[in-house]
Amino acid sequence: MTQFDIHTAQTAPESQQLIENAEKAFGFLPNLLGVMAEAPALLEGYMTLAGIFDQTDLSATERQVVLMVNNRLNGCTYCMAAHSAISKAQGVSDDVVAGLRQGTTLADPKLDALRRFAERVNETRGWPEQADIDALLQAGYTKRTVLEVILGTAVKVMSNYTNHVAETPLDGAFSAMQWSSSELVDSAR
């Protein structure tokens, strides 16, 4: 496998400001962003879209539902661990985090409708059926939500695929939340 460097502000001068911004936000430079710094446009695109996704009408919990569903379906162990830790820091309940990690039904029917819709968007590669959209709308979401799920899915394609090709090592800050597909409930496999 091709080895990808984990850059710093010193080794990726084109991305220095972005790296410094990430270090301020996280208190350290996540390995994912250090890898992305190899391609400054990817790093900037990812950080910009992730920031825009944070400005959607979705709550922090709802955003993590969309992101973690994609992490799980895309098999991204790095992002599942990172977003499990981020979810906890953002106050997402433990039962929601566990359900997303295991691929199980969420107790809150509205959140579960969002989980199911995000799954359908990913699994169908953006071709959900009308019944999928109807179920989301009937749960209390809007057409805006449909499109914001697409945005969250796009953000995850960038990070998940980068981690796949680079085999990004998990940061120590996320290691307590390490994840593997063995956590999935049998019916979800």
Protein backbone atom coordinates (compact mmCIF):
# COMPACT_ATOMS: atom_id res chain seq x y z
CA MET A 1 0.00 0.00 0.00
CA THR A 2 1.21 3.50 -0.77
CA GLN A 3 2.37 5.32 2.36
CA PHE A 4 0.83 8.74 2.93
CA ASP A 5 2.53 11.31 5.13
CA ILE A 6 0.80 12.89 8.08
CA HIS A 7 1.73 16.51 7.50
CA THR A 8 2.19 19.33 9.95
CA ALA A 9 2.14 23.08 9.39
CA GLN A 10 5.89 22.84 8.77
CA THR A 11 5.71 20.07 6.15
CA ALA A 12 2.63 21.39 4.34
CA PRO A 13 3.17 25.13 3.99
CA GLU A 14 0.33 25.53 1.48
CA SER A 15 -2.04 24.29 4.18
CA GLN A 16 -0.42 26.04 7.14
CA GLN A 17 -3.40 28.27 8.02
CA LEU A 18 -5.88 25.44 7.72
CA ILE A 19 -3.71 23.22 9.89
CA GLU A 20 -3.35 25.94 12.50
CA ASN A 21 -7.14 26.44 12.50
CA ALA A 22 -7.65 22.69 13.01
CA GLU A 23 -5.12 22.61 15.85
CA LYS A 24 -7.00 25.45 17.58
CA ALA A 25 -10.36 23.73 17.12
CA PHE A 26 -9.27 20.27 18.29
CA GLY A 27 -6.33 21.10 20.53
CA PHE A 28 -4.19 18.94 18.23
CA LEU A 29 -3.97 18.11 14.52
CA PRO A 30 -6.04 15.00 13.76
CA ASN A 31 -4.15 12.54 11.57
CA LEU A 32 -6.93 12.70 8.96
CA LEU A 33 -6.31 16.40 8.40
CA GLY A 34 -2.55 15.86 8.36
CA VAL A 35 -3.02 13.29 5.59
CA MET A 36 -5.41 15.56 3.67
CA ALA A 37 -2.79 18.33 3.75
CA GLU A 38 -0.97 16.44 0.98
CA ALA A 39 -3.69 17.87 -1.29
CA PRO A 40 -4.46 21.38 -0.01
CA ALA A 41 -7.63 21.57 -2.09
CA LEU A 42 -8.98 18.41 -0.42
CA LEU A 43 -8.16 19.71 3.05
CA GLU A 44 -9.77 23.07 2.32
CA GLY A 45 -12.78 21.46 0.68
CA TYR A 46 -13.31 19.06 3.57
CA MET A 47 -12.91 21.67 6.28
CA THR A 48 -15.15 24.12 4.42
CA LEU A 49 -17.93 21.59 3.76
CA ALA A 50 -17.73 20.24 7.32
CA GLY A 51 -18.09 23.81 8.60
CA ILE A 52 -21.05 24.41 6.31
CA PHE A 53 -22.66 21.14 7.45
CA ASP A 54 -22.39 22.44 11.03
CA GLN A 55 -24.55 25.41 9.95
CA THR A 56 -27.48 23.31 8.74
CA ASP A 57 -30.84 23.18 10.48
CA LEU A 58 -29.87 19.81 11.93
CA SER A 59 -29.01 19.66 15.64
CA ALA A 60 -25.60 18.38 16.77
CA THR A 61 -27.18 14.99 17.47
CA GLU A 62 -28.88 14.89 14.07
CA ARG A 63 -25.64 15.81 12.30
CA GLN A 64 -23.83 13.02 14.10
CA VAL A 65 -26.57 10.58 13.08
CA VAL A 66 -25.93 11.42 9.42
CA LEU A 67 -22.15 11.35 9.78
CA MET A 68 -21.93 8.15 11.82
CA VAL A 69 -24.37 6.27 9.58
CA ASN A 70 -22.08 7.02 6.65
CA ASN A 71 -18.96 6.12 8.63
CA ARG A 72 -20.48 2.75 9.52
CA LEU A 73 -21.77 1.95 6.05
CA ASN A 74 -18.48 3.03 4.48
CA GLY A 75 -16.57 0.92 7.00
CA CYS A 76 -14.42 3.81 8.21
CA THR A 77 -12.95 2.74 11.53
CA TYR A 78 -11.07 6.04 11.95
CA CYS A 79 -14.15 8.23 11.53
CA MET A 80 -16.38 5.98 13.65
CA ALA A 81 -13.94 6.36 16.54
CA ALA A 82 -13.47 10.08 15.96
CA HIS A 83 -17.18 10.82 15.66
CA SER A 84 -18.01 8.65 18.66
CA ALA A 85 -15.68 10.84 20.72
CA ILE A 86 -16.96 14.05 19.10
CA SER A 87 -20.57 12.95 19.69
CA LYS A 88 -19.92 12.42 23.38
CA ALA A 89 -18.21 15.82 23.61
CA GLN A 90 -21.26 17.40 21.93
CA GLY A 91 -23.65 15.79 24.42
CA VAL A 92 -25.12 13.14 22.14
CA SER A 93 -26.66 10.50 24.39
CA ASP A 94 -24.80 7.26 24.97
CA ASP A 95 -27.71 5.18 23.65
CA VAL A 96 -27.71 7.10 20.35
CA VAL A 97 -23.93 6.69 19.97
CA ALA A 98 -24.20 2.96 20.78
CA GLY A 99 -27.06 2.48 18.32
CA LEU A 100 -25.15 4.23 15.56
CA ARG A 101 -22.00 2.20 16.25
CA GLN A 102 -23.99 -1.06 16.28
CA GLY A 103 -26.31 -0.24 13.39
CA THR A 104 -29.44 -0.68 15.48
CA THR A 105 -32.75 1.14 15.79
CA LEU A 106 -32.66 4.37 17.79
CA ALA A 107 -35.23 4.77 20.58
CA ASP A 108 -36.28 8.24 19.39
CA PRO A 109 -38.58 7.64 16.38
CA LYS A 110 -37.67 10.94 14.71
CA LEU A 111 -33.92 10.31 15.02
CA ASP A 112 -34.44 6.77 13.79
CA ALA A 113 -36.27 8.07 10.71
CA LEU A 114 -33.24 10.27 10.01
CA ARG A 115 -30.92 7.29 10.54
CA ARG A 116 -32.92 5.16 8.12
CA PHE A 117 -33.02 7.92 5.51
CA ALA A 118 -29.27 8.55 5.75
CA GLU A 119 -28.76 4.81 5.29
CA ARG A 120 -30.96 4.80 2.19
CA VAL A 121 -29.12 7.76 0.66
CA ASN A 122 -25.79 5.97 1.16
CA GLU A 123 -26.97 2.49 0.15
CA THR A 124 -28.73 3.70 -2.99
CA ARG A 125 -25.88 6.07 -3.92
CA GLY A 126 -28.28 9.00 -3.85
CA TRP A 127 -31.32 7.26 -5.35
CA PRO A 128 -33.68 6.88 -2.37
CA GLU A 129 -37.21 5.87 -3.24
CA GLN A 130 -40.12 8.24 -2.78
CA ALA A 131 -41.24 6.10 0.17
CA ASP A 132 -37.89 6.82 1.87
CA ILE A 133 -38.37 10.57 1.44
CA ASP A 134 -42.01 10.32 2.56
CA ALA A 135 -41.01 8.48 5.74
CA LEU A 136 -38.51 11.22 6.59
CA LEU A 137 -41.07 13.96 5.96
CA GLN A 138 -43.73 12.14 7.97
CA ALA A 139 -41.31 11.96 10.91
CA GLY A 140 -41.27 15.76 11.03
CA TYR A 141 -38.33 16.61 8.80
CA THR A 142 -38.44 18.80 5.69
CA LYS A 143 -37.29 18.83 2.09
CA ARG A 144 -34.38 20.91 3.37
CA THR A 145 -33.39 17.96 5.56
CA VAL A 146 -33.34 15.69 2.51
CA LEU A 147 -30.74 17.95 0.90
CA GLU A 148 -28.76 18.46 4.12
CA VAL A 149 -28.39 14.68 4.44
CA ILE A 150 -26.81 14.73 0.98
CA LEU A 151 -24.36 17.39 2.18
CA GLY A 152 -23.41 15.31 5.22
CA THR A 153 -22.99 12.25 3.01
CA ALA A 154 -20.64 14.20 0.71
CA VAL A 155 -18.53 15.32 3.68
CA LYS A 156 -18.15 11.69 4.74
CA VAL A 157 -17.15 10.51 1.28
CA MET A 158 -14.19 12.89 1.47
CA SER A 159 -12.99 11.76 4.91
CA ASN A 160 -13.92 8.07 4.73
CA TYR A 161 -12.32 7.54 1.34
CA THR A 162 -9.18 9.42 2.40
CA ASN A 163 -8.86 7.17 5.43
CA HIS A 164 -9.35 4.08 3.29
CA VAL A 165 -6.59 4.87 0.81
CA ALA A 166 -4.19 6.31 3.40
CA GLU A 167 -4.92 3.78 6.16
CA THR A 168 -4.86 6.75 8.53
CA PRO A 169 -3.70 5.73 12.00
CA LEU A 170 -6.13 6.51 14.80
CA ASP A 171 -5.20 9.46 17.00
CA GLY A 172 -4.65 8.81 20.69
CA ALA A 173 -7.46 11.25 21.48
CA PHE A 174 -9.93 8.93 19.76
CA SER A 175 -8.45 5.54 20.72
CA ALA A 176 -10.85 4.94 23.63
CA MET A 177 -13.67 4.93 21.07
CA GLN A 178 -12.02 2.49 18.64
CA TRP A 179 -14.60 0.71 16.48
CA SER A 180 -14.75 -2.34 14.27
CA SER A 181 -17.55 -3.94 12.31
CA SER A 182 -17.65 -6.72 14.92
CA GLU A 183 -19.82 -4.32 16.99
CA LEU A 184 -22.60 -4.53 14.43
CA VAL A 185 -25.70 -6.41 15.48
CA ASP A 186 -26.17 -9.53 13.34
CA SER A 187 -29.35 -8.22 11.73
CA ALA A 188 -27.49 -5.13 10.53
CA ARG A 189 -24.77 -7.04 8.68
